[in-house]
């Protein structure tokens, strides 16, 4: 904790919040504080995978034809 706390940047937290990735950071911090570094990072990776799968599941693809070309 003594090493990790000074490494936190509020600008980075704002950037993470803007990209809606705050649950990943929150899960990592809670995991590190509750279970230790390795388990916390593993929990953060699992949260990142879940967020990515959620976003991929909501992706929409559209196909249009314009002047004989498919886009």
PDB file of N, CA and C in Angstrom:
ATOM      1  N   UNK A   1       0.826  -1.187   0.000  1.00  0.00           N
ATOM      2  CA  UNK A   1       0.000   0.000   0.000  1.00  0.00           C
ATOM      3  C   UNK A   1       0.868   1.247   0.000  1.00  0.00           C
ATOM      4  N   UNK A   2       1.987   1.197   0.715  1.00  0.00           N
ATOM      5  CA  UNK A   2       2.866   2.355   0.802  1.00  0.00           C
ATOM      6  C   UNK A   2       3.449   2.691  -0.571  1.00  0.00           C
ATOM      7  N   UNK A   3       3.715   1.699  -1.377  1.00  0.00           N
ATOM      8  CA  UNK A   3       4.267   1.923  -2.709  1.00  0.00           C
ATOM      9  C   UNK A   3       3.163   2.266  -3.698  1.00  0.00           C
ATOM     10  N   UNK A   4       2.014   1.649  -3.582  1.00  0.00           N
ATOM     11  CA  UNK A   4       0.952   1.804  -4.571  1.00  0.00           C
ATOM     12  C   UNK A   4       0.207   3.120  -4.493  1.00  0.00           C
ATOM     13  N   UNK A   5      -0.024   3.633  -3.314  1.00  0.00           N
ATOM     14  CA  UNK A   5      -0.825   4.855  -3.165  1.00  0.00           C
ATOM     15  C   UNK A   5      -0.178   6.056  -3.846  1.00  0.00           C
ATOM     16  N   UNK A   6       1.134   6.304  -3.713  1.00  0.00           N
ATOM     17  CA  UNK A   6       1.719   7.451  -4.411  1.00  0.00           C
ATOM     18  C   UNK A   6       1.686   7.314  -5.942  1.00  0.00           C
ATOM     19  N   UNK A   7       1.501   6.111  -6.441  1.00  0.00           N
ATOM     20  CA  UNK A   7       1.475   5.907  -7.888  1.00  0.00           C
ATOM     21  C   UNK A   7       0.125   6.262  -8.511  1.00  0.00           C
ATOM     22  N   UNK A   8      -0.891   6.503  -7.685  1.00  0.00           N
ATOM     23  CA  UNK A   8      -2.226   6.818  -8.192  1.00  0.00           C
ATOM     24  C   UNK A   8      -2.248   8.253  -8.711  1.00  0.00           C
ATOM     25  N   UNK A   9      -2.739   8.409  -9.926  1.00  0.00           N
ATOM     26  CA  UNK A   9      -2.847   9.720 -10.547  1.00  0.00           C
ATOM     27  C   UNK A   9      -4.322  10.032 -10.752  1.00  0.00           C
ATOM     28  N   UNK A  10      -4.755  11.220 -10.292  1.00  0.00           N
ATOM     29  CA  UNK A  10      -6.150  11.591 -10.459  1.00  0.00           C
ATOM     30  C   UNK A  10      -6.496  11.800 -11.932  1.00  0.00           C
ATOM     31  N   UNK A  11      -5.545  12.238 -12.729  1.00  0.00           N
ATOM     32  CA  UNK A  11      -5.785  12.387 -14.167  1.00  0.00           C
ATOM     33  C   UNK A  11      -6.052  11.024 -14.803  1.00  0.00           C
ATOM     34  N   UNK A  12      -5.333  10.013 -14.370  1.00  0.00           N
ATOM     35  CA  UNK A  12      -5.561   8.661 -14.890  1.00  0.00           C
ATOM     36  C   UNK A  12      -6.932   8.134 -14.458  1.00  0.00           C
ATOM     37  N   UNK A  13      -7.325   8.425 -13.232  1.00  0.00           N
ATOM     38  CA  UNK A  13      -8.635   7.989 -12.745  1.00  0.00           C
ATOM     39  C   UNK A  13      -9.743   8.654 -13.561  1.00  0.00           C
ATOM     40  N   UNK A  14      -9.597   9.950 -13.868  1.00  0.00           N
ATOM     41  CA  UNK A  14     -10.589  10.634 -14.708  1.00  0.00           C
ATOM     42  C   UNK A  14     -10.646  10.006 -16.094  1.00  0.00           C
ATOM     43  N   UNK A  15      -9.491   9.668 -16.656  1.00  0.00           N
ATOM     44  CA  UNK A  15      -9.436   9.058 -17.978  1.00  0.00           C
ATOM     45  C   UNK A  15     -10.109   7.681 -17.966  1.00  0.00           C
ATOM     46  N   UNK A  16      -9.857   6.911 -16.940  1.00  0.00           N
ATOM     47  CA  UNK A  16     -10.472   5.588 -16.811  1.00  0.00           C
ATOM     48  C   UNK A  16     -11.982   5.727 -16.658  1.00  0.00           C
ATOM     49  N   UNK A  17     -12.412   6.702 -15.876  1.00  0.00           N
ATOM     50  CA  UNK A  17     -13.844   6.921 -15.675  1.00  0.00           C
ATOM     51  C   UNK A  17     -14.516   7.358 -16.976  1.00  0.00           C
ATOM     52  N   UNK A  18     -13.825   8.177 -17.766  1.00  0.00           N
ATOM     53  CA  UNK A  18     -14.376   8.649 -19.033  1.00  0.00           C
ATOM     54  C   UNK A  18     -14.582   7.499 -20.010  1.00  0.00           C
ATOM     55  N   UNK A  19     -13.697   6.509 -19.985  1.00  0.00           N
ATOM     56  CA  UNK A  19     -13.800   5.354 -20.878  1.00  0.00           C
ATOM     57  C   UNK A  19     -14.624   4.220 -20.272  1.00  0.00           C
ATOM     58  N   UNK A  20     -15.259   4.479 -19.146  1.00  0.00           N
ATOM     59  CA  UNK A  20     -16.120   3.514 -18.453  1.00  0.00           C
ATOM     60  C   UNK A  20     -15.389   2.220 -18.101  1.00  0.00           C
ATOM     61  N   UNK A  21     -14.169   2.350 -17.626  1.00  0.00           N
ATOM     62  CA  UNK A  21     -13.398   1.185 -17.188  1.00  0.00           C
ATOM     63  C   UNK A  21     -13.142   1.234 -15.678  1.00  0.00           C
ATOM     64  N   UNK A  22     -13.902   2.062 -14.988  1.00  0.00           N
ATOM     65  CA  UNK A  22     -13.710   2.192 -13.552  1.00  0.00           C
ATOM     66  C   UNK A  22     -13.995   0.899 -12.790  1.00  0.00           C
ATOM     67  N   UNK A  23     -14.970   0.078 -13.208  1.00  0.00           N
ATOM     68  CA  UNK A  23     -15.184  -1.182 -12.476  1.00  0.00           C
ATOM     69  C   UNK A  23     -13.955  -2.091 -12.465  1.00  0.00           C
ATOM     70  N   UNK A  24     -13.158  -2.038 -13.528  1.00  0.00           N
ATOM     71  CA  UNK A  24     -11.936  -2.854 -13.576  1.00  0.00           C
ATOM     72  C   UNK A  24     -10.951  -2.371 -12.521  1.00  0.00           C
ATOM     73  N   UNK A  25     -10.756  -1.061 -12.451  1.00  0.00           N
ATOM     74  CA  UNK A  25      -9.828  -0.510 -11.448  1.00  0.00           C
ATOM     75  C   UNK A  25     -10.341  -0.750 -10.035  1.00  0.00           C
ATOM     76  N   UNK A  26     -11.640  -0.582  -9.840  1.00  0.00           N
ATOM     77  CA  UNK A  26     -12.206  -0.795  -8.509  1.00  0.00           C
ATOM     78  C   UNK A  26     -12.059  -2.251  -8.079  1.00  0.00           C
ATOM     79  N   UNK A  27     -12.288  -3.180  -8.996  1.00  0.00           N
ATOM     80  CA  UNK A  27     -12.137  -4.598  -8.661  1.00  0.00           C
ATOM     81  C   UNK A  27     -10.683  -4.928  -8.338  1.00  0.00           C
ATOM     82  N   UNK A  28      -9.761  -4.339  -9.083  1.00  0.00           N
ATOM     83  CA  UNK A  28      -8.340  -4.584  -8.826  1.00  0.00           C
ATOM     84  C   UNK A  28      -7.928  -4.047  -7.462  1.00  0.00           C
ATOM     85  N   UNK A  29      -8.322  -2.819  -7.169  1.00  0.00           N
ATOM     86  CA  UNK A  29      -7.956  -2.209  -5.880  1.00  0.00           C
ATOM     87  C   UNK A  29      -8.580  -2.985  -4.720  1.00  0.00           C
ATOM     88  N   UNK A  30      -9.846  -3.346  -4.867  1.00  0.00           N
ATOM     89  CA  UNK A  30     -10.502  -4.096  -3.796  1.00  0.00           C
ATOM     90  C   UNK A  30      -9.866  -5.473  -3.626  1.00  0.00           C
ATOM     91  N   UNK A  31      -9.513  -6.116  -4.733  1.00  0.00           N
ATOM     92  CA  UNK A  31      -8.872  -7.425  -4.655  1.00  0.00           C
ATOM     93  C   UNK A  31      -7.500  -7.365  -4.023  1.00  0.00           C
ATOM     94  N   UNK A  32      -6.729  -6.334  -4.382  1.00  0.00           N
ATOM     95  CA  UNK A  32      -5.385  -6.191  -3.789  1.00  0.00           C
ATOM     96  C   UNK A  32      -5.497  -5.899  -2.299  1.00  0.00           C
ATOM     97  N   UNK A  33      -6.432  -5.029  -1.926  1.00  0.00           N
ATOM     98  CA  UNK A  33      -6.593  -4.692  -0.509  1.00  0.00           C
ATOM     99  C   UNK A  33      -7.140  -5.873   0.288  1.00  0.00           C
ATOM    100  N   UNK A  34      -8.005  -6.675  -0.329  1.00  0.00           N
ATOM    101  CA  UNK A  34      -8.639  -7.757   0.407  1.00  0.00           C
ATOM    102  C   UNK A  34      -7.903  -9.075   0.377  1.00  0.00           C
ATOM    103  N   UNK A  35      -7.269  -9.388  -0.760  1.00  0.00           N
ATOM    104  CA  UNK A  35      -6.700 -10.729  -0.917  1.00  0.00           C
ATOM    105  C   UNK A  35      -5.202 -10.764  -1.193  1.00  0.00           C
ATOM    106  N   UNK A  36      -4.591  -9.634  -1.503  1.00  0.00           N
ATOM    107  CA  UNK A  36      -3.167  -9.606  -1.832  1.00  0.00           C
ATOM    108  C   UNK A  36      -2.960  -9.225  -3.286  1.00  0.00           C
ATOM    109  N   UNK A  37      -1.705  -9.006  -3.644  1.00  0.00           N
ATOM    110  CA  UNK A  37      -1.368  -8.477  -4.963  1.00  0.00           C
ATOM    111  C   UNK A  37      -1.738  -9.434  -6.097  1.00  0.00           C
ATOM    112  N   UNK A  38      -1.350 -10.671  -6.004  1.00  0.00           N
ATOM    113  CA  UNK A  38      -1.582 -11.604  -7.101  1.00  0.00           C
ATOM    114  C   UNK A  38      -3.075 -11.855  -7.318  1.00  0.00           C
ATOM    115  N   UNK A  39      -3.799 -12.108  -6.245  1.00  0.00           N
ATOM    116  CA  UNK A  39      -5.245 -12.341  -6.372  1.00  0.00           C
ATOM    117  C   UNK A  39      -5.965 -11.083  -6.833  1.00  0.00           C
ATOM    118  N   UNK A  40      -5.515  -9.921  -6.391  1.00  0.00           N
ATOM    119  CA  UNK A  40      -6.140  -8.670  -6.805  1.00  0.00           C
ATOM    120  C   UNK A  40      -5.956  -8.393  -8.280  1.00  0.00           C
ATOM    121  N   UNK A  41      -4.759  -8.640  -8.771  1.00  0.00           N
ATOM    122  CA  UNK A  41      -4.500  -8.451 -10.202  1.00  0.00           C
ATOM    123  C   UNK A  41      -5.295  -9.473 -11.015  1.00  0.00           C
ATOM    124  N   UNK A  42      -5.376 -10.695 -10.539  1.00  0.00           N
ATOM    125  CA  UNK A  42      -6.179 -11.706 -11.240  1.00  0.00           C
ATOM    126  C   UNK A  42      -7.650 -11.305 -11.267  1.00  0.00           C
ATOM    127  N   UNK A  43      -8.144 -10.751 -10.177  1.00  0.00           N
ATOM    128  CA  UNK A  43      -9.521 -10.268 -10.134  1.00  0.00           C
ATOM    129  C   UNK A  43      -9.722  -9.110 -11.112  1.00  0.00           C
ATOM    130  N   UNK A  44      -8.727  -8.219 -11.218  1.00  0.00           N
ATOM    131  CA  UNK A  44      -8.798  -7.118 -12.177  1.00  0.00           C
ATOM    132  C   UNK A  44      -8.801  -7.609 -13.613  1.00  0.00           C
ATOM    133  N   UNK A  45      -7.999  -8.617 -13.901  1.00  0.00           N
ATOM    134  CA  UNK A  45      -7.973  -9.187 -15.258  1.00  0.00           C
ATOM    135  C   UNK A  45      -9.317  -9.834 -15.570  1.00  0.00           C
ATOM    136  N   UNK A  46      -9.883 -10.542 -14.618  1.00  0.00           N
ATOM    137  CA  UNK A  46     -11.192 -11.161 -14.824  1.00  0.00           C
ATOM    138  C   UNK A  46     -12.263 -10.098 -15.062  1.00  0.00           C
ATOM    139  N   UNK A  47     -12.199  -9.005 -14.324  1.00  0.00           N
ATOM    140  CA  UNK A  47     -13.162  -7.916 -14.526  1.00  0.00           C
ATOM    141  C   UNK A  47     -12.978  -7.282 -15.897  1.00  0.00           C
ATOM    142  N   UNK A  48     -11.732  -7.131 -16.349  1.00  0.00           N
ATOM    143  CA  UNK A  48     -11.471  -6.563 -17.673  1.00  0.00           C
ATOM    144  C   UNK A  48     -12.013  -7.466 -18.774  1.00  0.00           C
ATOM    145  N   UNK A  49     -11.875  -8.766 -18.602  1.00  0.00           N
ATOM    146  CA  UNK A  49     -12.413  -9.710 -19.591  1.00  0.00           C
ATOM    147  C   UNK A  49     -13.935  -9.614 -19.630  1.00  0.00           C
ATOM    148  N   UNK A  50     -14.563  -9.521 -18.469  1.00  0.00           N
ATOM    149  CA  UNK A  50     -16.022  -9.418 -18.420  1.00  0.00           C
ATOM    150  C   UNK A  50     -16.514  -8.128 -19.075  1.00  0.00           C
ATOM    151  N   UNK A  51     -15.828  -7.011 -18.823  1.00  0.00           N
ATOM    152  CA  UNK A  51     -16.211  -5.746 -19.448  1.00  0.00           C
ATOM    153  C   UNK A  51     -16.034  -5.834 -20.965  1.00  0.00           C
ATOM    154  N   UNK A  52     -14.943  -6.435 -21.410  1.00  0.00           N
ATOM    155  CA  UNK A  52     -14.706  -6.586 -22.847  1.00  0.00           C
ATOM    156  C   UNK A  52     -15.762  -7.466 -23.497  1.00  0.00           C
ATOM    157  N   UNK A  53     -16.118  -8.579 -22.867  1.00  0.00           N
ATOM    158  CA  UNK A  53     -17.147  -9.452 -23.417  1.00  0.00           C
ATOM    159  C   UNK A  53     -18.506  -8.757 -23.460  1.00  0.00           C
ATOM    160  N   UNK A  54     -18.793  -7.972 -22.458  1.00  0.00           N
ATOM    161  CA  UNK A  54     -20.047  -7.218 -22.436  1.00  0.00           C
ATOM    162  C   UNK A  54     -20.101  -6.232 -23.604  1.00  0.00           C
ATOM    163  N   UNK A  55     -18.994  -5.531 -23.837  1.00  0.00           N
ATOM    164  CA  UNK A  55     -18.942  -4.578 -24.953  1.00  0.00           C
ATOM    165  C   UNK A  55     -19.024  -5.286 -26.301  1.00  0.00           C
ATOM    166  N   UNK A  56     -18.343  -6.413 -26.431  1.00  0.00           N
ATOM    167  CA  UNK A  56     -18.394  -7.156 -27.692  1.00  0.00           C
ATOM    168  C   UNK A  56     -19.791  -7.694 -27.964  1.00  0.00           C
ATOM    169  N   UNK A  57     -20.505  -8.062 -26.936  1.00  0.00           N
ATOM    170  CA  UNK A  57     -21.860  -8.573 -27.097  1.00  0.00           C
ATOM    171  C   UNK A  57     -22.845  -7.510 -27.548  1.00  0.00           C
ATOM    172  N   UNK A  58     -22.534  -6.256 -27.278  1.00  0.00           N
ATOM    173  CA  UNK A  58     -23.423  -5.157 -27.660  1.00  0.00           C
ATOM    174  C   UNK A  58     -22.988  -4.466 -28.948  1.00  0.00           C
ATOM    175  N   UNK A  59     -21.951  -4.956 -29.615  1.00  0.00           N
ATOM    176  CA  UNK A  59     -21.458  -4.336 -30.837  1.00  0.00           C
ATOM    177  C   UNK A  59     -22.446  -4.574 -31.976  1.00  0.00           C
ATOM    178  N   UNK A  60     -22.683  -3.514 -32.738  1.00  0.00           N
ATOM    179  CA  UNK A  60     -23.576  -3.615 -33.881  1.00  0.00           C
ATOM    180  C   UNK A  60     -22.776  -3.379 -35.159  1.00  0.00           C
ATOM    181  N   UNK A  61     -23.045  -4.198 -36.169  1.00  0.00           N
ATOM    182  CA  UNK A  61     -22.382  -4.069 -37.465  1.00  0.00           C
ATOM    183  C   UNK A  61     -23.458  -3.804 -38.504  1.00  0.00           C
ATOM    184  N   UNK A  62     -23.247  -2.778 -39.311  1.00  0.00           N
ATOM    185  CA  UNK A  62     -24.202  -2.449 -40.368  1.00  0.00           C
ATOM    186  C   UNK A  62     -23.501  -2.559 -41.715  1.00  0.00           C
ATOM    187  N   UNK A  63     -24.259  -3.001 -42.700  1.00  0.00           N
ATOM    188  CA  UNK A  63     -23.739  -3.144 -44.057  1.00  0.00           C
ATOM    189  C   UNK A  63     -24.598  -2.280 -44.970  1.00  0.00           C
ATOM    190  N   UNK A  64     -23.940  -1.439 -45.768  1.00  0.00           N
ATOM    191  CA  UNK A  64     -24.656  -0.592 -46.737  1.00  0.00           C
ATOM    192  C   UNK A  64     -24.023  -0.744 -48.098  1.00  0.00           C
ATOM    193  N   UNK A  65     -24.846  -0.574 -49.125  1.00  0.00           N
ATOM    194  CA  UNK A  65     -24.352  -0.607 -50.483  1.00  0.00           C
ATOM    195  C   UNK A  65     -24.483   0.756 -51.109  1.00  0.00           C
ATOM    196  N   UNK A  66     -23.361   1.294 -51.590  1.00  0.00           N
ATOM    197  CA  UNK A  66     -23.356   2.597 -52.218  1.00  0.00           C
ATOM    198  C   UNK A  66     -22.592   2.498 -53.528  1.00  0.00           C
ATOM    199  N   UNK A  67     -23.239   2.833 -54.607  1.00  0.00           N
ATOM    200  CA  UNK A  67     -22.654   2.828 -55.943  1.00  0.00           C
ATOM    201  C   UNK A  67     -21.886   1.550 -56.228  1.00  0.00           C
ATOM    202  N   UNK A  68     -22.493   0.431 -55.939  1.00  0.00           N
ATOM    203  CA  UNK A  68     -21.901  -0.861 -56.257  1.00  0.00           C
ATOM    204  C   UNK A  68     -20.857  -1.345 -55.269  1.00  0.00           C
ATOM    205  N   UNK A  69     -20.543  -0.569 -54.260  1.00  0.00           N
ATOM    206  CA  UNK A  69     -19.550  -0.970 -53.255  1.00  0.00           C
ATOM    207  C   UNK A  69     -20.262  -1.272 -51.941  1.00  0.00           C
ATOM    208  N   UNK A  70     -19.835  -2.303 -51.294  1.00  0.00           N
ATOM    209  CA  UNK A  70     -20.401  -2.661 -50.014  1.00  0.00           C
ATOM    210  C   UNK A  70     -19.510  -2.100 -48.918  1.00  0.00           C
ATOM    211  N   UNK A  71     -20.151  -1.409 -47.981  1.00  0.00           N
ATOM    212  CA  UNK A  71     -19.385  -0.830 -46.862  1.00  0.00           C
ATOM    213  C   UNK A  71     -19.928  -1.362 -45.559  1.00  0.00           C
TER     214      UNK A  71
END
